[in-house]
């Protein structure tokens, strides 16, 4: 699945991700995997959204970029946890049908 992380956030978290990889003692070596684990780990904690927002703002990242990213990330986290995907997302992200618990669209073809 493709998860869109703005360049400003990737650059801002570079040192944090280096430390995170070091702390995993070789269990995570891929930077993209480390970034995803780091962000979703923070967002899964109680108060994590507020803490992550403040962290990104303190790193000088524009508030609009941070808010848009958090909204997108929380939406994607909700969809992953609940298995609720649209047909477009299933196709775009190559999501197997057995991981889909509910389709999030009620679009119907118009009557001719």
PDB file of N, CA and C in Angstrom:
ATOM      1  N   UNK A   1       0.841  -1.168   0.000  1.00  0.00           N
ATOM      2  CA  UNK A   1       0.000   0.000   0.000  1.00  0.00           C
ATOM      3  C   UNK A   1       0.893   1.241   0.000  1.00  0.00           C
ATOM      4  N   UNK A   2       0.450   2.259  -0.667  1.00  0.00           N
ATOM      5  CA  UNK A   2       1.194   3.508  -0.730  1.00  0.00           C
ATOM      6  C   UNK A   2       0.643   4.470   0.321  1.00  0.00           C
ATOM      7  N   UNK A   3       1.531   4.978   1.137  1.00  0.00           N
ATOM      8  CA  UNK A   3       1.151   5.931   2.169  1.00  0.00           C
ATOM      9  C   UNK A   3       1.929   7.200   1.886  1.00  0.00           C
ATOM     10  N   UNK A   4       1.220   8.285   1.672  1.00  0.00           N
ATOM     11  CA  UNK A   4       1.843   9.542   1.267  1.00  0.00           C
ATOM     12  C   UNK A   4       2.357  10.311   2.486  1.00  0.00           C
ATOM     13  N   UNK A   5       3.689  10.472   2.555  1.00  0.00           N
ATOM     14  CA  UNK A   5       4.291  11.240   3.631  1.00  0.00           C
ATOM     15  C   UNK A   5       4.995  12.435   2.991  1.00  0.00           C
ATOM     16  N   UNK A   6       4.576  13.649   3.319  1.00  0.00           N
ATOM     17  CA  UNK A   6       5.205  14.830   2.724  1.00  0.00           C
ATOM     18  C   UNK A   6       6.707  14.887   3.000  1.00  0.00           C
ATOM     19  N   UNK A   7       7.447  15.356   2.029  1.00  0.00           N
ATOM     20  CA  UNK A   7       8.905  15.467   2.118  1.00  0.00           C
ATOM     21  C   UNK A   7       9.333  16.246   3.365  1.00  0.00           C
ATOM     22  N   UNK A   8       8.606  17.312   3.709  1.00  0.00           N
ATOM     23  CA  UNK A   8       8.946  18.123   4.875  1.00  0.00           C
ATOM     24  C   UNK A   8       8.923  17.287   6.163  1.00  0.00           C
ATOM     25  N   UNK A   9       7.974  16.375   6.251  1.00  0.00           N
ATOM     26  CA  UNK A   9       7.862  15.530   7.441  1.00  0.00           C
ATOM     27  C   UNK A   9       8.968  14.478   7.445  1.00  0.00           C
ATOM     28  N   UNK A  10       9.238  13.888   6.290  1.00  0.00           N
ATOM     29  CA  UNK A  10      10.327  12.903   6.194  1.00  0.00           C
ATOM     30  C   UNK A  10      11.657  13.547   6.607  1.00  0.00           C
ATOM     31  N   UNK A  11      11.919  14.731   6.061  1.00  0.00           N
ATOM     32  CA  UNK A  11      13.164  15.434   6.390  1.00  0.00           C
ATOM     33  C   UNK A  11      13.215  15.837   7.863  1.00  0.00           C
ATOM     34  N   UNK A  12      12.086  16.295   8.398  1.00  0.00           N
ATOM     35  CA  UNK A  12      12.027  16.729   9.790  1.00  0.00           C
ATOM     36  C   UNK A  12      12.233  15.601  10.784  1.00  0.00           C
ATOM     37  N   UNK A  13      11.867  14.385  10.395  1.00  0.00           N
ATOM     38  CA  UNK A  13      11.976  13.243  11.302  1.00  0.00           C
ATOM     39  C   UNK A  13      13.244  12.413  11.074  1.00  0.00           C
ATOM     40  N   UNK A  14      14.138  12.890  10.234  1.00  0.00           N
ATOM     41  CA  UNK A  14      15.321  12.109   9.854  1.00  0.00           C
ATOM     42  C   UNK A  14      16.127  11.619  11.063  1.00  0.00           C
ATOM     43  N   UNK A  15      16.447  12.518  11.995  1.00  0.00           N
ATOM     44  CA  UNK A  15      17.238  12.133  13.171  1.00  0.00           C
ATOM     45  C   UNK A  15      16.448  11.202  14.090  1.00  0.00           C
ATOM     46  N   UNK A  16      15.148  11.444  14.201  1.00  0.00           N
ATOM     47  CA  UNK A  16      14.295  10.584  15.032  1.00  0.00           C
ATOM     48  C   UNK A  16      14.282   9.156  14.478  1.00  0.00           C
ATOM     49  N   UNK A  17      14.206   9.049  13.154  1.00  0.00           N
ATOM     50  CA  UNK A  17      14.160   7.736  12.511  1.00  0.00           C
ATOM     51  C   UNK A  17      15.503   7.022  12.658  1.00  0.00           C
ATOM     52  N   UNK A  18      16.612   7.764  12.541  1.00  0.00           N
ATOM     53  CA  UNK A  18      17.931   7.166  12.757  1.00  0.00           C
ATOM     54  C   UNK A  18      18.022   6.560  14.157  1.00  0.00           C
ATOM     55  N   UNK A  19      17.556   7.303  15.159  1.00  0.00           N
ATOM     56  CA  UNK A  19      17.568   6.809  16.537  1.00  0.00           C
ATOM     57  C   UNK A  19      16.630   5.608  16.686  1.00  0.00           C
ATOM     58  N   UNK A  20      15.462   5.679  16.084  1.00  0.00           N
ATOM     59  CA  UNK A  20      14.481   4.589  16.151  1.00  0.00           C
ATOM     60  C   UNK A  20      15.075   3.302  15.574  1.00  0.00           C
ATOM     61  N   UNK A  21      15.738   3.405  14.418  1.00  0.00           N
ATOM     62  CA  UNK A  21      16.365   2.228  13.801  1.00  0.00           C
ATOM     63  C   UNK A  21      17.435   1.663  14.723  1.00  0.00           C
ATOM     64  N   UNK A  22      18.228   2.541  15.325  1.00  0.00           N
ATOM     65  CA  UNK A  22      19.283   2.114  16.252  1.00  0.00           C
ATOM     66  C   UNK A  22      18.689   1.385  17.464  1.00  0.00           C
ATOM     67  N   UNK A  23      17.577   1.909  17.983  1.00  0.00           N
ATOM     68  CA  UNK A  23      16.946   1.308  19.162  1.00  0.00           C
ATOM     69  C   UNK A  23      16.300  -0.045  18.877  1.00  0.00           C
ATOM     70  N   UNK A  24      15.961  -0.312  17.609  1.00  0.00           N
ATOM     71  CA  UNK A  24      15.356  -1.611  17.268  1.00  0.00           C
ATOM     72  C   UNK A  24      16.404  -2.710  17.157  1.00  0.00           C
ATOM     73  N   UNK A  25      17.674  -2.347  17.289  1.00  0.00           N
ATOM     74  CA  UNK A  25      18.793  -3.305  17.295  1.00  0.00           C
ATOM     75  C   UNK A  25      18.774  -4.226  16.080  1.00  0.00           C
ATOM     76  N   UNK A  26      18.562  -3.627  14.911  1.00  0.00           N
ATOM     77  CA  UNK A  26      18.633  -4.384  13.666  1.00  0.00           C
ATOM     78  C   UNK A  26      17.349  -5.061  13.234  1.00  0.00           C
ATOM     79  N   UNK A  27      16.300  -4.979  14.044  1.00  0.00           N
ATOM     80  CA  UNK A  27      15.033  -5.602  13.651  1.00  0.00           C
ATOM     81  C   UNK A  27      14.380  -4.846  12.500  1.00  0.00           C
ATOM     82  N   UNK A  28      14.566  -3.534  12.460  1.00  0.00           N
ATOM     83  CA  UNK A  28      14.074  -2.717  11.352  1.00  0.00           C
ATOM     84  C   UNK A  28      15.287  -2.046  10.724  1.00  0.00           C
ATOM     85  N   UNK A  29      15.491  -2.305   9.436  1.00  0.00           N
ATOM     86  CA  UNK A  29      16.625  -1.707   8.735  1.00  0.00           C
ATOM     87  C   UNK A  29      16.178  -0.791   7.604  1.00  0.00           C
ATOM     88  N   UNK A  30      14.979  -0.975   7.111  1.00  0.00           N
ATOM     89  CA  UNK A  30      14.461  -0.166   6.012  1.00  0.00           C
ATOM     90  C   UNK A  30      13.901   1.154   6.559  1.00  0.00           C
ATOM     91  N   UNK A  31      14.357   2.272   6.000  1.00  0.00           N
ATOM     92  CA  UNK A  31      13.939   3.594   6.495  1.00  0.00           C
ATOM     93  C   UNK A  31      12.433   3.815   6.332  1.00  0.00           C
ATOM     94  N   UNK A  32      11.868   3.372   5.226  1.00  0.00           N
ATOM     95  CA  UNK A  32      10.425   3.550   5.002  1.00  0.00           C
ATOM     96  C   UNK A  32       9.624   2.768   6.039  1.00  0.00           C
ATOM     97  N   UNK A  33      10.029   1.529   6.298  1.00  0.00           N
ATOM     98  CA  UNK A  33       9.359   0.732   7.330  1.00  0.00           C
ATOM     99  C   UNK A  33       9.495   1.396   8.696  1.00  0.00           C
ATOM    100  N   UNK A  34      10.699   1.888   8.994  1.00  0.00           N
ATOM    101  CA  UNK A  34      10.937   2.545  10.280  1.00  0.00           C
ATOM    102  C   UNK A  34      10.066   3.787  10.426  1.00  0.00           C
ATOM    103  N   UNK A  35       9.948   4.565   9.360  1.00  0.00           N
ATOM    104  CA  UNK A  35       9.128   5.780   9.387  1.00  0.00           C
ATOM    105  C   UNK A  35       7.669   5.439   9.648  1.00  0.00           C
ATOM    106  N   UNK A  36       7.161   4.426   8.972  1.00  0.00           N
ATOM    107  CA  UNK A  36       5.763   4.020   9.164  1.00  0.00           C
ATOM    108  C   UNK A  36       5.524   3.496  10.579  1.00  0.00           C
ATOM    109  N   UNK A  37       6.424   2.642  11.076  1.00  0.00           N
ATOM    110  CA  UNK A  37       6.290   2.113  12.441  1.00  0.00           C
ATOM    111  C   UNK A  37       6.357   3.228  13.477  1.00  0.00           C
ATOM    112  N   UNK A  38       7.268   4.151  13.261  1.00  0.00           N
ATOM    113  CA  UNK A  38       7.445   5.270  14.183  1.00  0.00           C
ATOM    114  C   UNK A  38       6.177   6.132  14.249  1.00  0.00           C
ATOM    115  N   UNK A  39       5.672   6.512  13.084  1.00  0.00           N
ATOM    116  CA  UNK A  39       4.500   7.391  13.040  1.00  0.00           C
ATOM    117  C   UNK A  39       3.257   6.683  13.566  1.00  0.00           C
ATOM    118  N   UNK A  40       3.001   5.456  13.094  1.00  0.00           N
ATOM    119  CA  UNK A  40       1.807   4.757  13.566  1.00  0.00           C
ATOM    120  C   UNK A  40       1.918   4.391  15.041  1.00  0.00           C
ATOM    121  N   UNK A  41       3.138   4.157  15.511  1.00  0.00           N
ATOM    122  CA  UNK A  41       3.333   3.896  16.934  1.00  0.00           C
ATOM    123  C   UNK A  41       2.950   5.097  17.781  1.00  0.00           C
ATOM    124  N   UNK A  42       3.394   6.265  17.362  1.00  0.00           N
ATOM    125  CA  UNK A  42       3.040   7.487  18.091  1.00  0.00           C
ATOM    126  C   UNK A  42       1.532   7.731  18.033  1.00  0.00           C
ATOM    127  N   UNK A  43       0.944   7.600  16.858  1.00  0.00           N
ATOM    128  CA  UNK A  43      -0.481   7.878  16.702  1.00  0.00           C
ATOM    129  C   UNK A  43      -1.359   6.875  17.449  1.00  0.00           C
ATOM    130  N   UNK A  44      -0.809   5.708  17.777  1.00  0.00           N
ATOM    131  CA  UNK A  44      -1.580   4.689  18.498  1.00  0.00           C
ATOM    132  C   UNK A  44      -1.587   4.910  20.009  1.00  0.00           C
ATOM    133  N   UNK A  45      -0.677   5.741  20.484  1.00  0.00           N
ATOM    134  CA  UNK A  45      -0.597   6.010  21.923  1.00  0.00           C
ATOM    135  C   UNK A  45      -1.654   7.020  22.360  1.00  0.00           C
ATOM    136  N   UNK A  46      -2.068   6.917  23.618  1.00  0.00           N
ATOM    137  CA  UNK A  46      -2.998   7.901  24.170  1.00  0.00           C
ATOM    138  C   UNK A  46      -2.301   9.265  24.166  1.00  0.00           C
ATOM    139  N   UNK A  47      -2.933  10.262  23.588  1.00  0.00           N
ATOM    140  CA  UNK A  47      -2.350  11.592  23.487  1.00  0.00           C
ATOM    141  C   UNK A  47      -1.309  11.701  22.384  1.00  0.00           C
ATOM    142  N   UNK A  48      -1.167  10.652  21.598  1.00  0.00           N
ATOM    143  CA  UNK A  48      -0.141  10.610  20.561  1.00  0.00           C
ATOM    144  C   UNK A  48      -0.334  11.621  19.446  1.00  0.00           C
ATOM    145  N   UNK A  49      -1.579  11.889  19.074  1.00  0.00           N
ATOM    146  CA  UNK A  49      -1.841  12.839  17.984  1.00  0.00           C
ATOM    147  C   UNK A  49      -1.373  14.233  18.401  1.00  0.00           C
ATOM    148  N   UNK A  50      -1.736  14.637  19.606  1.00  0.00           N
ATOM    149  CA  UNK A  50      -1.335  15.952  20.112  1.00  0.00           C
ATOM    150  C   UNK A  50       0.186  16.043  20.235  1.00  0.00           C
ATOM    151  N   UNK A  51       0.796  14.982  20.755  1.00  0.00           N
ATOM    152  CA  UNK A  51       2.245  14.964  20.922  1.00  0.00           C
ATOM    153  C   UNK A  51       2.950  15.041  19.561  1.00  0.00           C
ATOM    154  N   UNK A  52       2.462  14.271  18.584  1.00  0.00           N
ATOM    155  CA  UNK A  52       3.076  14.254  17.262  1.00  0.00           C
ATOM    156  C   UNK A  52       2.899  15.600  16.561  1.00  0.00           C
ATOM    157  N   UNK A  53       1.724  16.193  16.726  1.00  0.00           N
ATOM    158  CA  UNK A  53       1.465  17.520  16.156  1.00  0.00           C
ATOM    159  C   UNK A  53       2.482  18.529  16.707  1.00  0.00           C
ATOM    160  N   UNK A  54       2.638  18.540  18.029  1.00  0.00           N
ATOM    161  CA  UNK A  54       3.572  19.480  18.657  1.00  0.00           C
ATOM    162  C   UNK A  54       5.015  19.216  18.217  1.00  0.00           C
ATOM    163  N   UNK A  55       5.382  17.944  18.071  1.00  0.00           N
ATOM    164  CA  UNK A  55       6.726  17.585  17.622  1.00  0.00           C
ATOM    165  C   UNK A  55       7.007  18.137  16.224  1.00  0.00           C
ATOM    166  N   UNK A  56       6.047  17.936  15.317  1.00  0.00           N
ATOM    167  CA  UNK A  56       6.239  18.390  13.938  1.00  0.00           C
ATOM    168  C   UNK A  56       6.265  19.911  13.840  1.00  0.00           C
ATOM    169  N   UNK A  57       5.415  20.582  14.605  1.00  0.00           N
ATOM    170  CA  UNK A  57       5.399  22.053  14.615  1.00  0.00           C
ATOM    171  C   UNK A  57       6.724  22.575  15.175  1.00  0.00           C
ATOM    172  N   UNK A  58       7.228  21.924  16.228  1.00  0.00           N
ATOM    173  CA  UNK A  58       8.504  22.333  16.832  1.00  0.00           C
ATOM    174  C   UNK A  58       9.668  22.165  15.855  1.00  0.00           C
ATOM    175  N   UNK A  59       9.521  21.259  14.909  1.00  0.00           N
ATOM    176  CA  UNK A  59      10.558  21.047  13.899  1.00  0.00           C
ATOM    177  C   UNK A  59      10.432  22.039  12.738  1.00  0.00           C
ATOM    178  N   UNK A  60       9.463  22.962  12.845  1.00  0.00           N
ATOM    179  CA  UNK A  60       9.323  24.013  11.844  1.00  0.00           C
ATOM    180  C   UNK A  60       8.505  23.641  10.623  1.00  0.00           C
ATOM    181  N   UNK A  61       7.726  22.592  10.721  1.00  0.00           N
ATOM    182  CA  UNK A  61       6.891  22.170   9.594  1.00  0.00           C
ATOM    183  C   UNK A  61       5.594  22.971   9.613  1.00  0.00           C
ATOM    184  N   UNK A  62       5.174  23.426   8.450  1.00  0.00           N
ATOM    185  CA  UNK A  62       3.978  24.258   8.300  1.00  0.00           C
ATOM    186  C   UNK A  62       2.751  23.568   8.899  1.00  0.00           C
ATOM    187  N   UNK A  63       1.933  24.333   9.634  1.00  0.00           N
ATOM    188  CA  UNK A  63       0.746  23.786  10.293  1.00  0.00           C
ATOM    189  C   UNK A  63      -0.219  23.129   9.311  1.00  0.00           C
ATOM    190  N   UNK A  64      -0.387  23.708   8.130  1.00  0.00           N
ATOM    191  CA  UNK A  64      -1.302  23.143   7.140  1.00  0.00           C
ATOM    192  C   UNK A  64      -0.828  21.767   6.690  1.00  0.00           C
ATOM    193  N   UNK A  65       0.466  21.631   6.465  1.00  0.00           N
ATOM    194  CA  UNK A  65       1.033  20.330   6.058  1.00  0.00           C
ATOM    195  C   UNK A  65       0.833  19.311   7.171  1.00  0.00           C
ATOM    196  N   UNK A  66       1.088  19.722   8.404  1.00  0.00           N
ATOM    197  CA  UNK A  66       0.944  18.819   9.549  1.00  0.00           C
ATOM    198  C   UNK A  66      -0.514  18.381   9.716  1.00  0.00           C
ATOM    199  N   UNK A  67      -1.442  19.325   9.678  1.00  0.00           N
ATOM    200  CA  UNK A  67      -2.862  18.984   9.843  1.00  0.00           C
ATOM    201  C   UNK A  67      -3.357  18.071   8.734  1.00  0.00           C
ATOM    202  N   UNK A  68      -2.999  18.374   7.489  1.00  0.00           N
ATOM    203  CA  UNK A  68      -3.411  17.527   6.359  1.00  0.00           C
ATOM    204  C   UNK A  68      -2.841  16.123   6.505  1.00  0.00           C
ATOM    205  N   UNK A  69      -1.577  16.034   6.900  1.00  0.00           N
ATOM    206  CA  UNK A  69      -0.938  14.728   7.068  1.00  0.00           C
ATOM    207  C   UNK A  69      -1.582  13.937   8.198  1.00  0.00           C
ATOM    208  N   UNK A  70      -1.859  14.585   9.312  1.00  0.00           N
ATOM    209  CA  UNK A  70      -2.490  13.879  10.432  1.00  0.00           C
ATOM    210  C   UNK A  70      -3.891  13.402  10.071  1.00  0.00           C
ATOM    211  N   UNK A  71      -4.657  14.238   9.385  1.00  0.00           N
ATOM    212  CA  UNK A  71      -5.996  13.815   8.950  1.00  0.00           C
ATOM    213  C   UNK A  71      -5.906  12.596   8.036  1.00  0.00           C
ATOM    214  N   UNK A  72      -4.989  12.655   7.065  1.00  0.00           N
ATOM    215  CA  UNK A  72      -4.795  11.546   6.131  1.00  0.00           C
ATOM    216  C   UNK A  72      -4.346  10.286   6.878  1.00  0.00           C
ATOM    217  N   UNK A  73      -3.391  10.432   7.797  1.00  0.00           N
ATOM    218  CA  UNK A  73      -2.850   9.286   8.528  1.00  0.00           C
ATOM    219  C   UNK A  73      -3.905   8.637   9.416  1.00  0.00           C
ATOM    220  N   UNK A  74      -4.690   9.456  10.099  1.00  0.00           N
ATOM    221  CA  UNK A  74      -5.746   8.904  10.965  1.00  0.00           C
ATOM    222  C   UNK A  74      -6.819   8.206  10.144  1.00  0.00           C
ATOM    223  N   UNK A  75      -7.129   8.756   8.986  1.00  0.00           N
ATOM    224  CA  UNK A  75      -8.098   8.113   8.089  1.00  0.00           C
ATOM    225  C   UNK A  75      -7.568   6.754   7.619  1.00  0.00           C
ATOM    226  N   UNK A  76      -6.296   6.714   7.214  1.00  0.00           N
ATOM    227  CA  UNK A  76      -5.710   5.460   6.744  1.00  0.00           C
ATOM    228  C   UNK A  76      -5.619   4.443   7.895  1.00  0.00           C
ATOM    229  N   UNK A  77      -5.281   4.889   9.081  1.00  0.00           N
ATOM    230  CA  UNK A  77      -5.208   4.001  10.245  1.00  0.00           C
ATOM    231  C   UNK A  77      -6.584   3.409  10.538  1.00  0.00           C
ATOM    232  N   UNK A  78      -7.620   4.234  10.501  1.00  0.00           N
ATOM    233  CA  UNK A  78      -8.987   3.768  10.715  1.00  0.00           C
ATOM    234  C   UNK A  78      -9.361   2.713   9.675  1.00  0.00           C
ATOM    235  N   UNK A  79      -9.037   3.004   8.418  1.00  0.00           N
ATOM    236  CA  UNK A  79      -9.374   2.076   7.344  1.00  0.00           C
ATOM    237  C   UNK A  79      -8.645   0.743   7.509  1.00  0.00           C
ATOM    238  N   UNK A  80      -7.369   0.781   7.916  1.00  0.00           N
ATOM    239  CA  UNK A  80      -6.609  -0.453   8.103  1.00  0.00           C
ATOM    240  C   UNK A  80      -7.164  -1.273   9.264  1.00  0.00           C
ATOM    241  N   UNK A  81      -7.458  -0.612  10.360  1.00  0.00           N
ATOM    242  CA  UNK A  81      -7.969  -1.315  11.537  1.00  0.00           C
ATOM    243  C   UNK A  81      -9.328  -1.940  11.256  1.00  0.00           C
ATOM    244  N   UNK A  82     -10.199  -1.197  10.562  1.00  0.00           N
ATOM    245  CA  UNK A  82     -11.564  -1.657  10.333  1.00  0.00           C
ATOM    246  C   UNK A  82     -11.755  -2.384   9.006  1.00  0.00           C
ATOM    247  N   UNK A  83     -10.745  -2.405   8.159  1.00  0.00           N
ATOM    248  CA  UNK A  83     -10.850  -3.091   6.869  1.00  0.00           C
ATOM    249  C   UNK A  83     -11.914  -2.496   5.970  1.00  0.00           C
ATOM    250  N   UNK A  84     -12.098  -1.199   6.051  1.00  0.00           N
ATOM    251  CA  UNK A  84     -13.149  -0.527   5.285  1.00  0.00           C
ATOM    252  C   UNK A  84     -12.507   0.257   4.148  1.00  0.00           C
ATOM    253  N   UNK A  85     -12.615  -0.263   2.935  1.00  0.00           N
ATOM    254  CA  UNK A  85     -11.944   0.313   1.769  1.00  0.00           C
ATOM    255  C   UNK A  85     -12.936   0.517   0.637  1.00  0.00           C
ATOM    256  N   UNK A  86     -12.679   1.527  -0.164  1.00  0.00           N
ATOM    257  CA  UNK A  86     -13.489   1.720  -1.372  1.00  0.00           C
ATOM    258  C   UNK A  86     -12.932   0.814  -2.461  1.00  0.00           C
ATOM    259  N   UNK A  87     -13.702   0.608  -3.509  1.00  0.00           N
ATOM    260  CA  UNK A  87     -13.226  -0.207  -4.633  1.00  0.00           C
ATOM    261  C   UNK A  87     -11.994   0.427  -5.260  1.00  0.00           C
ATOM    262  N   UNK A  88     -11.962   1.741  -5.337  1.00  0.00           N
ATOM    263  CA  UNK A  88     -10.806   2.439  -5.892  1.00  0.00           C
ATOM    264  C   UNK A  88      -9.557   2.160  -5.052  1.00  0.00           C
ATOM    265  N   UNK A  89      -9.681   2.258  -3.728  1.00  0.00           N
ATOM    266  CA  UNK A  89      -8.539   2.013  -2.847  1.00  0.00           C
ATOM    267  C   UNK A  89      -8.067   0.563  -2.932  1.00  0.00           C
ATOM    268  N   UNK A  90      -9.008  -0.364  -3.043  1.00  0.00           N
ATOM    269  CA  UNK A  90      -8.627  -1.766  -3.166  1.00  0.00           C
ATOM    270  C   UNK A  90      -7.784  -1.975  -4.420  1.00  0.00           C
ATOM    271  N   UNK A  91      -8.173  -1.324  -5.498  1.00  0.00           N
ATOM    272  CA  UNK A  91      -7.426  -1.438  -6.751  1.00  0.00           C
ATOM    273  C   UNK A  91      -6.106  -0.668  -6.674  1.00  0.00           C
ATOM    274  N   UNK A  92      -6.163   0.559  -6.202  1.00  0.00           N
ATOM    275  CA  UNK A  92      -4.981   1.430  -6.155  1.00  0.00           C
ATOM    276  C   UNK A  92      -3.891   0.879  -5.234  1.00  0.00           C
ATOM    277  N   UNK A  93      -4.262   0.352  -4.062  1.00  0.00           N
ATOM    278  CA  UNK A  93      -3.297  -0.123  -3.073  1.00  0.00           C
ATOM    279  C   UNK A  93      -3.081  -1.634  -3.119  1.00  0.00           C
ATOM    280  N   UNK A  94      -3.721  -2.315  -4.079  1.00  0.00           N
ATOM    281  CA  UNK A  94      -3.602  -3.781  -4.208  1.00  0.00           C
ATOM    282  C   UNK A  94      -3.963  -4.498  -2.910  1.00  0.00           C
ATOM    283  N   UNK A  95      -5.100  -4.142  -2.354  1.00  0.00           N
ATOM    284  CA  UNK A  95      -5.552  -4.730  -1.098  1.00  0.00           C
ATOM    285  C   UNK A  95      -6.278  -6.038  -1.419  1.00  0.00           C
ATOM    286  N   UNK A  96      -5.825  -7.156  -0.845  1.00  0.00           N
ATOM    287  CA  UNK A  96      -6.496  -8.439  -1.090  1.00  0.00           C
ATOM    288  C   UNK A  96      -7.937  -8.415  -0.571  1.00  0.00           C
ATOM    289  N   UNK A  97      -8.828  -9.087  -1.277  1.00  0.00           N
ATOM    290  CA  UNK A  97     -10.244  -9.095  -0.893  1.00  0.00           C
ATOM    291  C   UNK A  97     -10.464  -9.665   0.506  1.00  0.00           C
ATOM    292  N   UNK A  98      -9.611 -10.604   0.933  1.00  0.00           N
ATOM    293  CA  UNK A  98      -9.807 -11.187   2.259  1.00  0.00           C
ATOM    294  C   UNK A  98      -9.482 -10.215   3.390  1.00  0.00           C
ATOM    295  N   UNK A  99      -8.828  -9.078   3.084  1.00  0.00           N
ATOM    296  CA  UNK A  99      -8.553  -8.056   4.096  1.00  0.00           C
ATOM    297  C   UNK A  99      -9.646  -6.986   4.149  1.00  0.00           C
ATOM    298  N   UNK A 100     -10.607  -7.063   3.242  1.00  0.00           N
ATOM    299  CA  UNK A 100     -11.689  -6.072   3.189  1.00  0.00           C
ATOM    300  C   UNK A 100     -12.873  -6.618   3.978  1.00  0.00           C
ATOM    301  N   UNK A 101     -13.249  -5.867   5.020  1.00  0.00           N
ATOM    302  CA  UNK A 101     -14.385  -6.270   5.840  1.00  0.00           C
ATOM    303  C   UNK A 101     -15.663  -5.570   5.410  1.00  0.00           C
ATOM    304  N   UNK A 102     -15.503  -4.388   4.803  1.00  0.00           N
ATOM    305  CA  UNK A 102     -16.659  -3.601   4.374  1.00  0.00           C
ATOM    306  C   UNK A 102     -16.206  -2.651   3.280  1.00  0.00           C
ATOM    307  N   UNK A 103     -17.085  -2.429   2.325  1.00  0.00           N
ATOM    308  CA  UNK A 103     -16.770  -1.479   1.261  1.00  0.00           C
ATOM    309  C   UNK A 103     -17.354  -0.128   1.654  1.00  0.00           C
ATOM    310  N   UNK A 104     -16.537   0.920   1.563  1.00  0.00           N
ATOM    311  CA  UNK A 104     -16.942   2.222   2.091  1.00  0.00           C
ATOM    312  C   UNK A 104     -17.709   3.078   1.092  1.00  0.00           C
ATOM    313  N   UNK A 105     -18.143   2.498   0.017  1.00  0.00           N
ATOM    314  CA  UNK A 105     -18.905   3.281  -0.945  1.00  0.00           C
ATOM    315  C   UNK A 105     -20.274   2.645  -1.166  1.00  0.00           C
ATOM    316  N   UNK A 106     -21.262   3.471  -1.385  1.00  0.00           N
ATOM    317  CA  UNK A 106     -22.583   2.955  -1.709  1.00  0.00           C
ATOM    318  C   UNK A 106     -22.997   3.440  -3.085  1.00  0.00           C
ATOM    319  N   UNK A 107     -22.001   3.700  -3.951  1.00  0.00           N
ATOM    320  CA  UNK A 107     -22.267   4.170  -5.295  1.00  0.00           C
ATOM    321  C   UNK A 107     -23.053   3.129  -6.076  1.00  0.00           C
ATOM    322  N   UNK A 108     -24.062   3.602  -6.785  1.00  0.00           N
ATOM    323  CA  UNK A 108     -24.860   2.720  -7.624  1.00  0.00           C
ATOM    324  C   UNK A 108     -24.892   3.289  -9.030  1.00  0.00           C
ATOM    325  N   UNK A 109     -24.946   2.392 -10.009  1.00  0.00           N
ATOM    326  CA  UNK A 109     -25.036   2.843 -11.395  1.00  0.00           C
ATOM    327  C   UNK A 109     -26.376   3.542 -11.609  1.00  0.00           C
ATOM    328  N   UNK A 110     -26.389   4.629 -12.368  1.00  0.00           N
ATOM    329  CA  UNK A 110     -27.654   5.327 -12.626  1.00  0.00           C
ATOM    330  C   UNK A 110     -28.566   4.474 -13.514  1.00  0.00           C
ATOM    331  N   UNK A 111     -29.851   4.653 -13.324  1.00  0.00           N
ATOM    332  CA  UNK A 111     -30.825   3.939 -14.168  1.00  0.00           C
ATOM    333  C   UNK A 111     -30.901   4.633 -15.524  1.00  0.00           C
ATOM    334  N   UNK A 112     -30.842   3.862 -16.575  1.00  0.00           N
ATOM    335  CA  UNK A 112     -30.959   4.442 -17.923  1.00  0.00           C
ATOM    336  C   UNK A 112     -32.367   4.360 -18.415  1.00  0.00           C
TER     337      UNK A 112
END
